[in-house]
């Protein structure tokens, strides 16, 4: 029999081995918690503060630990129960269900923490709860700061106030220093959950491989997935969603008999364009899984994807779309090409003037360049058919684009030569906007974009 890395005299080895298999890559944190908890009948630390970034396993590890070891506990999300009264009443309701003799729970009104302490003593009066530690876990505990000033300090000293064997566990994404009241309070035991490394994510995601495929085949797929998404997404839940969503496309050459499980190069070529499409909708969930799978089967183009790049511009005002197009052209085209692209009678321009040796690199690789407000307006007047007056409405729409982070201000606001801006959206975003606008604006935009790509 395999010996577990977790050790505790109060629990059998088989239970600890099962617990270890449920919480991979969190053995050190679970071992620390087991040491703090001690044996069932022993008094534990009055309050424990567990913090770490989102999807670092805090909630999952705590729920798995308490359920696997069958420890009496109450688990409450402070976002769902957002007032002190709702929170205290929910704790009392769950306490009733912890008692074996209470088959049906009833609503218990609780108007203050004094009432809560009195009702709490009554609820844990049964012999079953008196003989072991009761754990009250408050998830998303940062919401406690929005409640009455006495709630957080009282929870931290609940063991002292009630004279009962109870431990309060706070789970949060922010550090304890942002919790500590100015008047001081009882200091909890703090435990940090670090982010999962790429090796941890590889190990966790590889555990859920489909039974019809080998573990090595699925591990190779997870390795490809993390190679694409790890720099932009380290959320375990989001990566699990992406792994399930794109695995069928990865298996397609194997299912069709075009490749075997070891033909990594052919499998990568098949999945690469689909993973790039999925990059557009990381975290957004703007389409359902079934819609995404349908798009995969139909080999839809990225422009067909109803994600951010094809959605956001619908909410922009008419002139804001043209301002954004003008800003993109100003960011990615050199100043000297404005005359060539946006004037009808620009005269002859020698090719050697703008095809210098050091400028053959695509401007998209160099990133957006800052431009002054005057140049932005000049390009706007050129690509819009109708005459546009420089009114307060136009300037307010520029400010709105900055607020939406579609444009960014470069430099300080007190510059004497006027503000300078930089466009922050992608070429696909601009193309999606340009498709909805007709006339000379879209023609000039396409011409300038195409010339920019060839430089």
Protein backbone atom coordinates (compact mmCIF):
# COMPACT_ATOMS: atom_id res chain seq x y z
CA UNK A 1 0.00 0.00 0.00
CA UNK A 2 1.31 3.46 -0.90
CA UNK A 3 2.13 5.62 2.11
CA UNK A 4 0.66 9.14 2.06
CA UNK A 5 2.81 12.26 2.31
CA UNK A 6 0.24 13.61 4.78
CA UNK A 7 0.55 12.30 8.32
CA UNK A 8 -1.75 12.72 11.31
CA UNK A 9 -2.28 10.36 14.24
CA UNK A 10 -6.03 11.06 14.44
CA UNK A 11 -6.85 9.83 10.92
CA UNK A 12 -6.18 6.49 9.18
CA UNK A 13 -3.60 6.32 6.39
CA UNK A 14 -6.23 5.33 3.81
CA UNK A 15 -8.23 8.50 4.50
CA UNK A 16 -5.14 10.71 4.25
CA UNK A 17 -4.09 8.98 1.02
CA UNK A 18 -7.52 9.64 -0.48
CA UNK A 19 -7.36 13.27 0.69
CA UNK A 20 -3.94 13.67 -0.91
CA UNK A 21 -5.25 12.42 -4.25
CA UNK A 22 -8.07 15.01 -4.15
CA UNK A 23 -5.84 18.03 -3.51
CA UNK A 24 -2.79 17.67 -5.80
CA UNK A 25 -0.02 20.27 -5.46
CA UNK A 26 -1.44 21.54 -2.17
CA UNK A 27 0.09 18.96 0.18
CA UNK A 28 2.11 21.50 2.20
CA UNK A 29 -0.92 23.72 2.85
CA UNK A 30 -3.10 20.73 3.83
CA UNK A 31 -0.36 19.42 6.11
CA UNK A 32 -0.18 22.82 7.82
CA UNK A 33 -3.96 22.91 8.29
CA UNK A 34 -3.97 19.40 9.76
CA UNK A 35 -1.30 20.46 12.25
CA UNK A 36 -3.36 23.52 13.25
CA UNK A 37 -6.60 21.55 13.55
CA UNK A 38 -5.10 18.89 15.81
CA UNK A 39 -7.40 16.10 16.96
CA UNK A 40 -11.18 16.40 16.90
CA UNK A 41 -11.69 17.06 20.61
CA UNK A 42 -8.77 19.48 20.96
CA UNK A 43 -9.25 23.25 20.92
CA UNK A 44 -7.83 24.62 17.68
CA UNK A 45 -6.59 28.13 16.89
CA UNK A 46 -9.48 30.63 17.36
CA UNK A 47 -9.25 32.11 13.86
CA UNK A 48 -7.34 31.32 10.66
CA UNK A 49 -6.89 33.70 7.72
CA UNK A 50 -6.19 32.01 4.36
CA UNK A 51 -5.37 34.27 1.41
CA UNK A 52 -4.19 33.94 -2.18
CA UNK A 53 -5.14 34.94 -5.70
CA UNK A 54 -8.28 33.68 -7.39
CA UNK A 55 -8.22 29.99 -8.42
CA UNK A 56 -5.37 29.14 -6.07
CA UNK A 57 -7.45 26.37 -4.47
CA UNK A 58 -8.47 28.00 -1.17
CA UNK A 59 -12.19 27.19 -1.27
CA UNK A 60 -11.75 23.78 -2.89
CA UNK A 61 -9.05 22.63 -0.48
CA UNK A 62 -11.00 23.78 2.56
CA UNK A 63 -14.24 22.11 1.44
CA UNK A 64 -12.44 18.89 0.46
CA UNK A 65 -10.52 18.76 3.75
CA UNK A 66 -13.60 19.23 5.94
CA UNK A 67 -15.80 16.87 3.94
CA UNK A 68 -13.20 14.09 3.59
CA UNK A 69 -12.34 14.09 7.30
CA UNK A 70 -16.05 14.52 8.16
CA UNK A 71 -15.45 17.48 10.45
CA UNK A 72 -18.53 19.49 11.54
CA UNK A 73 -18.49 22.78 9.71
CA UNK A 74 -20.48 25.70 8.36
CA UNK A 75 -19.55 27.11 4.94
CA UNK A 76 -20.93 30.54 3.98
CA UNK A 77 -20.16 32.79 1.00
CA UNK A 78 -20.11 36.43 2.16
CA UNK A 79 -21.03 37.69 -1.32
CA UNK A 80 -24.27 35.72 -1.28
CA UNK A 81 -25.09 36.75 2.32
CA UNK A 82 -24.02 40.37 2.03
CA UNK A 83 -25.45 41.86 5.25
CA UNK A 84 -24.56 40.97 8.83
CA UNK A 85 -28.10 39.77 9.57
CA UNK A 86 -28.23 37.47 6.54
CA UNK A 87 -24.77 36.13 7.36
CA UNK A 88 -25.46 35.39 11.02
CA UNK A 89 -28.84 33.81 10.30
CA UNK A 90 -27.36 31.55 7.61
CA UNK A 91 -24.68 30.33 10.03
CA UNK A 92 -27.37 29.46 12.60
CA UNK A 93 -29.50 27.68 9.98
CA UNK A 94 -26.54 25.53 8.88
CA UNK A 95 -25.71 24.82 12.53
CA UNK A 96 -29.15 23.28 12.97
CA UNK A 97 -28.45 20.83 10.14
CA UNK A 98 -25.16 19.82 11.83
CA UNK A 99 -27.15 18.38 14.74
CA UNK A 100 -28.27 14.84 13.94
CA UNK A 101 -31.55 15.20 15.84
CA UNK A 102 -32.62 18.25 13.85
CA UNK A 103 -34.17 16.91 10.66
CA UNK A 104 -35.74 20.16 9.49
CA UNK A 105 -34.17 23.60 9.75
CA UNK A 106 -36.17 26.70 10.63
CA UNK A 107 -35.49 30.40 10.24
CA UNK A 108 -33.93 31.96 13.33
CA UNK A 109 -34.14 35.78 13.53
CA UNK A 110 -30.84 37.35 14.62
CA UNK A 111 -30.62 41.15 14.84
CA UNK A 112 -27.21 41.62 16.51
CA UNK A 113 -24.01 39.79 17.34
CA UNK A 114 -25.12 39.52 20.98
CA UNK A 115 -28.16 37.56 19.82
CA UNK A 116 -25.89 35.45 17.61
CA UNK A 117 -23.64 34.51 20.56
CA UNK A 118 -26.65 33.47 22.64
CA UNK A 119 -28.26 31.46 19.84
CA UNK A 120 -24.90 29.94 18.88
CA UNK A 121 -24.43 28.55 22.42
CA UNK A 122 -27.87 26.97 22.23
CA UNK A 123 -27.22 25.49 18.77
CA UNK A 124 -23.93 23.82 19.76
CA UNK A 125 -25.32 22.55 23.07
CA UNK A 126 -25.66 18.99 21.76
CA UNK A 127 -23.14 16.43 23.01
CA UNK A 128 -22.09 15.65 19.43
CA UNK A 129 -20.85 19.20 18.75
CA UNK A 130 -19.35 19.68 22.22
CA UNK A 131 -16.94 16.77 21.79
CA UNK A 132 -15.22 18.13 18.66
CA UNK A 133 -14.17 21.38 17.01
CA UNK A 134 -16.75 23.21 14.91
CA UNK A 135 -15.38 25.12 11.91
CA UNK A 136 -17.09 28.25 10.54
CA UNK A 137 -15.67 29.03 7.08
CA UNK A 138 -16.39 32.47 5.61
CA UNK A 139 -15.56 32.53 1.89
CA UNK A 140 -14.91 35.89 0.15
CA UNK A 141 -14.30 37.33 3.60
CA UNK A 142 -13.25 40.74 2.22
CA UNK A 143 -16.98 41.54 2.19
CA UNK A 144 -16.89 41.65 6.01
CA UNK A 145 -15.17 45.04 5.74
CA UNK A 146 -18.41 46.47 4.30
CA UNK A 147 -20.45 45.35 7.33
CA UNK A 148 -20.67 46.83 10.84
CA UNK A 149 -17.32 47.58 12.49
CA UNK A 150 -17.82 44.97 15.23
CA UNK A 151 -18.47 41.97 12.94
CA UNK A 152 -14.88 41.13 11.94
CA UNK A 153 -13.30 41.54 15.45
CA UNK A 154 -16.16 39.51 16.97
CA UNK A 155 -15.69 36.61 14.53
CA UNK A 156 -11.95 36.58 15.28
CA UNK A 157 -12.72 36.16 19.04
CA UNK A 158 -15.79 33.93 18.66
CA UNK A 159 -14.12 31.10 20.59
CA UNK A 160 -13.57 33.44 23.55
CA UNK A 161 -17.03 35.06 23.36
CA UNK A 162 -18.93 31.77 23.25
CA UNK A 163 -16.57 29.65 25.37
CA UNK A 164 -17.06 26.86 22.84
CA UNK A 165 -14.66 24.77 20.74
CA UNK A 166 -15.06 26.73 17.50
CA UNK A 167 -12.60 27.93 14.85
CA UNK A 168 -13.43 30.67 12.34
CA UNK A 169 -11.67 30.36 8.96
CA UNK A 170 -11.58 33.41 6.67
CA UNK A 171 -10.88 32.90 2.95
CA UNK A 172 -9.88 35.98 0.96
CA UNK A 173 -8.02 37.20 -2.13
CA UNK A 174 -6.44 40.17 -0.30
CA UNK A 175 -3.80 40.32 2.41
CA UNK A 176 -4.55 40.59 6.13
CA UNK A 177 -3.07 44.12 6.35
CA UNK A 178 -6.08 45.40 4.37
CA UNK A 179 -8.42 43.80 6.93
CA UNK A 180 -6.86 44.94 10.19
CA UNK A 181 -9.06 47.62 11.87
CA UNK A 182 -7.44 50.87 13.00
CA UNK A 183 -8.51 50.12 16.58
CA UNK A 184 -6.72 46.77 16.56
CA UNK A 185 -8.11 43.26 16.93
CA UNK A 186 -7.16 39.66 17.67
CA UNK A 187 -4.56 38.54 15.11
CA UNK A 188 -5.52 35.34 13.25
CA UNK A 189 -3.11 32.67 12.07
CA UNK A 190 -2.34 33.55 8.42
CA UNK A 191 -1.70 30.98 5.70
CA UNK A 192 -0.79 31.85 2.11
CA UNK A 193 -1.85 29.82 -0.93
CA UNK A 194 0.59 30.61 -3.79
CA UNK A 195 -0.43 30.54 -7.44
CA UNK A 196 -0.16 27.24 -9.26
CA UNK A 197 3.02 26.98 -11.32
CA UNK A 198 2.91 25.75 -14.91
CA UNK A 199 4.08 22.34 -13.66
CA UNK A 200 1.25 22.22 -11.12
CA UNK A 201 -1.31 23.17 -13.77
CA UNK A 202 0.07 20.49 -16.08
CA UNK A 203 -0.27 17.85 -13.36
CA UNK A 204 -3.79 18.91 -12.28
CA UNK A 205 -5.22 19.25 -15.79
CA UNK A 206 -3.67 15.96 -16.94
CA UNK A 207 -5.51 14.04 -14.23
CA UNK A 208 -8.87 14.45 -15.95
CA UNK A 209 -7.98 12.72 -19.22
CA UNK A 210 -10.78 10.84 -21.05
CA UNK A 211 -10.58 7.04 -20.58
CA UNK A 212 -10.63 6.35 -24.33
CA UNK A 213 -7.26 8.11 -24.79
CA UNK A 214 -3.92 7.43 -23.14
CA UNK A 215 -2.59 9.62 -20.35
CA UNK A 216 0.48 10.58 -22.42
CA UNK A 217 -1.71 11.73 -25.33
CA UNK A 218 -3.82 13.97 -23.08
CA UNK A 219 -0.71 15.27 -21.26
CA UNK A 220 0.75 16.33 -24.64
CA UNK A 221 -2.49 18.20 -25.40
CA UNK A 222 -2.39 19.97 -22.01
CA UNK A 223 1.23 20.93 -22.68
CA UNK A 224 0.20 22.57 -25.97
CA UNK A 225 -2.76 24.30 -24.31
CA UNK A 226 -0.59 25.76 -21.53
CA UNK A 227 2.03 26.84 -24.06
CA UNK A 228 -0.61 29.02 -25.74
CA UNK A 229 -2.64 30.28 -22.78
CA UNK A 230 -0.31 30.32 -19.75
CA UNK A 231 0.98 33.86 -20.37
CA UNK A 232 -2.53 35.34 -20.56
CA UNK A 233 -4.54 33.03 -18.29
CA UNK A 234 -3.49 31.19 -15.12
CA UNK A 235 -6.98 30.65 -13.78
CA UNK A 236 -7.37 26.91 -13.20
CA UNK A 237 -11.14 26.94 -13.78
CA UNK A 238 -10.80 28.83 -17.07
CA UNK A 239 -8.02 26.50 -18.25
CA UNK A 240 -10.16 23.46 -17.38
CA UNK A 241 -12.99 24.97 -19.44
CA UNK A 242 -10.65 25.61 -22.39
CA UNK A 243 -9.20 22.09 -22.16
CA UNK A 244 -12.63 20.47 -22.39
CA UNK A 245 -13.79 22.85 -25.12
CA UNK A 246 -10.91 22.31 -27.55
CA UNK A 247 -10.00 18.65 -26.96
CA UNK A 248 -12.39 17.31 -29.61
CA UNK A 249 -10.68 19.44 -32.27
CA UNK A 250 -7.27 18.19 -31.13
CA UNK A 251 -8.44 14.58 -31.51
CA UNK A 252 -9.97 15.15 -34.95
CA UNK A 253 -6.98 13.88 -37.03
CA UNK A 254 -6.76 10.76 -34.84
CA UNK A 255 -10.50 10.07 -35.16
CA UNK A 256 -10.38 10.54 -38.96
CA UNK A 257 -7.34 8.28 -39.30
CA UNK A 258 -5.14 11.08 -40.62
CA UNK A 259 -2.63 10.82 -37.75
CA UNK A 260 -1.78 8.71 -34.73
CA UNK A 261 -1.44 9.79 -31.11
CA UNK A 262 2.32 10.29 -31.44
CA UNK A 263 2.13 12.56 -34.51
CA UNK A 264 2.53 15.72 -32.45
CA UNK A 265 3.40 18.01 -35.37
CA UNK A 266 0.26 17.21 -37.36
CA UNK A 267 -1.93 17.47 -34.24
CA UNK A 268 -0.43 20.88 -33.43
CA UNK A 269 -1.02 22.21 -36.95
CA UNK A 270 -4.66 21.15 -36.73
CA UNK A 271 -5.34 22.74 -33.32
CA UNK A 272 -3.23 25.93 -33.61
CA UNK A 273 -5.74 28.16 -35.51
CA UNK A 274 -8.58 27.09 -33.19
CA UNK A 275 -6.59 27.93 -30.06
CA UNK A 276 -5.88 31.37 -31.52
CA UNK A 277 -9.62 31.89 -31.96
CA UNK A 278 -10.20 30.81 -28.37
CA UNK A 279 -7.72 33.49 -27.23
CA UNK A 280 -10.30 36.11 -28.23
CA UNK A 281 -12.84 34.87 -25.68
CA UNK A 282 -10.71 34.01 -22.64
CA UNK A 283 -12.80 34.85 -19.53
CA UNK A 284 -15.60 36.47 -21.63
CA UNK A 285 -18.11 33.60 -22.06
CA UNK A 286 -19.88 35.64 -24.76
CA UNK A 287 -20.84 32.44 -26.57
CA UNK A 288 -21.92 29.12 -25.10
CA UNK A 289 -19.88 25.93 -25.36
CA UNK A 290 -22.34 24.49 -27.90
CA UNK A 291 -22.02 27.61 -30.10
CA UNK A 292 -18.24 27.38 -29.95
CA UNK A 293 -18.28 23.69 -30.92
CA UNK A 294 -20.61 24.48 -33.82
CA UNK A 295 -18.21 27.19 -34.97
CA UNK A 296 -15.33 24.71 -34.74
CA UNK A 297 -17.20 22.16 -36.87
CA UNK A 298 -18.07 24.77 -39.50
CA UNK A 299 -14.44 26.04 -39.59
CA UNK A 300 -15.70 29.57 -38.98
CA UNK A 301 -13.38 32.52 -39.47
CA UNK A 302 -12.31 34.63 -36.49
CA UNK A 303 -14.53 37.43 -37.77
CA UNK A 304 -17.56 35.20 -37.29
CA UNK A 305 -16.79 34.81 -33.60
CA UNK A 306 -19.21 36.86 -31.57
CA UNK A 307 -16.56 37.80 -29.05
CA UNK A 308 -15.08 41.09 -27.96
CA UNK A 309 -13.57 41.93 -31.34
CA UNK A 310 -16.95 41.75 -33.09
CA UNK A 311 -19.24 42.94 -30.32
CA UNK A 312 -17.95 46.00 -28.52
CA UNK A 313 -18.11 48.41 -31.46
CA UNK A 314 -21.90 47.95 -31.69
CA UNK A 315 -22.27 50.10 -28.60
CA UNK A 316 -20.01 52.91 -29.88
CA UNK A 317 -21.55 56.12 -31.27
CA UNK A 318 -21.25 56.84 -34.98
CA UNK A 319 -18.32 59.27 -34.86
CA UNK A 320 -16.55 57.25 -32.14
CA UNK A 321 -16.13 54.42 -34.66
CA UNK A 322 -14.47 56.77 -37.15
CA UNK A 323 -12.34 58.31 -34.41
CA UNK A 324 -11.10 54.86 -33.45
CA UNK A 325 -10.32 54.00 -37.08
CA UNK A 326 -8.49 57.32 -37.49
CA UNK A 327 -6.55 56.68 -34.28
CA UNK A 328 -5.48 53.24 -35.50
CA UNK A 329 -4.27 54.67 -38.81
CA UNK A 330 -2.39 57.42 -36.99
CA UNK A 331 -0.73 54.91 -34.64
CA UNK A 332 0.46 52.46 -37.29
CA UNK A 333 1.18 54.66 -40.32
CA UNK A 334 4.14 57.06 -40.53
CA UNK A 335 3.29 60.78 -40.68
CA UNK A 336 4.77 61.20 -44.17
CA UNK A 337 2.27 58.68 -45.66
CA UNK A 338 -0.77 60.74 -44.62
CA UNK A 339 -0.54 62.89 -47.75
CA UNK A 340 -0.36 59.81 -49.97
CA UNK A 341 -3.27 57.97 -48.32
CA UNK A 342 -5.72 60.76 -47.47
CA UNK A 343 -5.34 63.41 -50.19
CA UNK A 344 -6.83 62.99 -53.67
CA UNK A 345 -4.21 65.11 -55.46
CA UNK A 346 -1.03 64.37 -53.60
CA UNK A 347 1.25 64.46 -56.62
CA UNK A 348 4.06 62.05 -57.35
CA UNK A 349 5.87 60.51 -54.41
CA UNK A 350 9.17 58.76 -54.99
CA UNK A 351 9.07 55.19 -53.73
CA UNK A 352 12.54 55.41 -52.20
CA UNK A 353 11.34 58.13 -49.85
CA UNK A 354 9.21 55.79 -47.80
CA UNK A 355 10.72 52.35 -48.48
CA UNK A 356 13.94 52.79 -46.59
CA UNK A 357 15.91 49.75 -45.58
CA UNK A 358 15.35 50.10 -41.85
CA UNK A 359 11.59 50.52 -42.27
CA UNK A 360 10.79 47.26 -44.04
CA UNK A 361 9.72 45.74 -40.70
CA UNK A 362 5.95 45.64 -40.31
CA UNK A 363 4.66 48.44 -38.07
CA UNK A 364 2.35 45.92 -36.39
CA UNK A 365 5.40 44.23 -34.93
CA UNK A 366 6.76 47.53 -33.61
CA UNK A 367 3.53 48.43 -31.82
CA UNK A 368 1.39 51.60 -31.88
CA UNK A 369 3.09 55.00 -32.04
CA UNK A 370 1.80 58.13 -30.26
CA UNK A 371 0.18 60.87 -32.33
CA UNK A 372 -1.07 64.42 -31.61
CA UNK A 373 -4.72 65.42 -31.50
CA UNK A 374 -4.41 67.58 -34.64
CA UNK A 375 -3.31 64.60 -36.73
CA UNK A 376 -6.18 62.46 -35.39
CA UNK A 377 -8.75 65.09 -36.41
CA UNK A 378 -7.14 65.59 -39.82
CA UNK A 379 -7.43 61.87 -40.62
CA UNK A 380 -11.00 61.86 -39.27
CA UNK A 381 -12.02 64.70 -41.62
CA UNK A 382 -10.49 62.77 -44.52
CA UNK A 383 -12.19 59.40 -43.97
CA UNK A 384 -15.67 60.77 -43.16
CA UNK A 385 -17.73 61.78 -46.20
CA UNK A 386 -19.73 64.46 -44.42
CA UNK A 387 -18.17 67.64 -43.12
CA UNK A 388 -17.39 67.27 -39.42
CA UNK A 389 -17.12 70.35 -37.23
CA UNK A 390 -14.67 70.17 -34.29
CA UNK A 391 -17.41 70.52 -31.69
CA UNK A 392 -17.46 69.62 -28.00
CA UNK A 393 -19.30 66.42 -28.98
CA UNK A 394 -16.26 65.15 -30.91
CA UNK A 395 -13.85 65.97 -28.09
CA UNK A 396 -16.10 64.31 -25.50
CA UNK A 397 -16.18 61.13 -27.60
CA UNK A 398 -12.36 61.11 -27.65
CA UNK A 399 -12.45 61.31 -23.84
CA UNK A 400 -14.94 58.42 -23.76
CA UNK A 401 -12.64 56.27 -25.91
CA UNK A 402 -9.83 56.92 -23.42
CA UNK A 403 -12.12 55.98 -20.53
CA UNK A 404 -13.02 52.72 -22.32
CA UNK A 405 -9.25 52.10 -22.72
CA UNK A 406 -9.60 51.93 -26.50
CA UNK A 407 -7.22 54.90 -26.62
CA UNK A 408 -4.53 55.78 -24.11
CA UNK A 409 -3.09 59.21 -23.30
CA UNK A 410 0.68 59.45 -23.68
CA UNK A 411 2.64 61.95 -21.59
CA UNK A 412 1.40 64.49 -19.05
CA UNK A 413 -1.79 66.52 -19.17
CA UNK A 414 0.12 69.78 -18.73
CA UNK A 415 2.01 69.53 -22.03
CA UNK A 416 2.00 72.83 -23.88
CA UNK A 417 1.85 71.26 -27.36
CA UNK A 418 -1.43 69.45 -26.67
CA UNK A 419 -2.26 65.85 -25.73
CA UNK A 420 -0.86 62.82 -27.53
CA UNK A 421 -2.71 59.53 -27.85
CA UNK A 422 -2.04 55.91 -28.75
CA UNK A 423 -4.51 53.34 -30.14
CA UNK A 424 -4.74 50.16 -28.02
CA UNK A 425 -7.06 47.94 -30.10
CA UNK A 426 -6.11 45.23 -32.58
CA UNK A 427 -6.35 45.16 -36.37
CA UNK A 428 -9.20 42.61 -36.21
CA UNK A 429 -11.16 45.02 -34.01
CA UNK A 430 -10.70 47.85 -36.54
CA UNK A 431 -11.63 45.61 -39.47
CA UNK A 432 -14.80 44.57 -37.65
CA UNK A 433 -15.76 48.23 -37.22
CA UNK A 434 -14.87 49.12 -40.83
CA UNK A 435 -17.12 46.37 -42.21
CA UNK A 436 -20.16 48.14 -40.77
CA UNK A 437 -19.31 51.49 -42.36
CA UNK A 438 -19.64 52.04 -46.12
CA UNK A 439 -18.41 54.65 -48.56
CA UNK A 440 -15.04 56.31 -48.91
CA UNK A 441 -14.20 55.87 -45.24
CA UNK A 442 -13.95 52.09 -45.47
CA UNK A 443 -12.14 52.32 -48.84
CA UNK A 444 -9.47 54.65 -47.44
CA UNK A 445 -9.18 52.61 -44.28
CA UNK A 446 -8.63 49.36 -46.17
CA UNK A 447 -6.10 51.03 -48.47
CA UNK A 448 -4.10 52.45 -45.57
CA UNK A 449 -4.24 49.17 -43.63
CA UNK A 450 -3.15 47.13 -46.64
CA UNK A 451 -0.24 49.45 -47.40
CA UNK A 452 0.79 49.30 -43.77
CA UNK A 453 0.83 45.50 -43.79
CA UNK A 454 3.10 45.36 -46.85
CA UNK A 455 5.65 47.78 -45.39
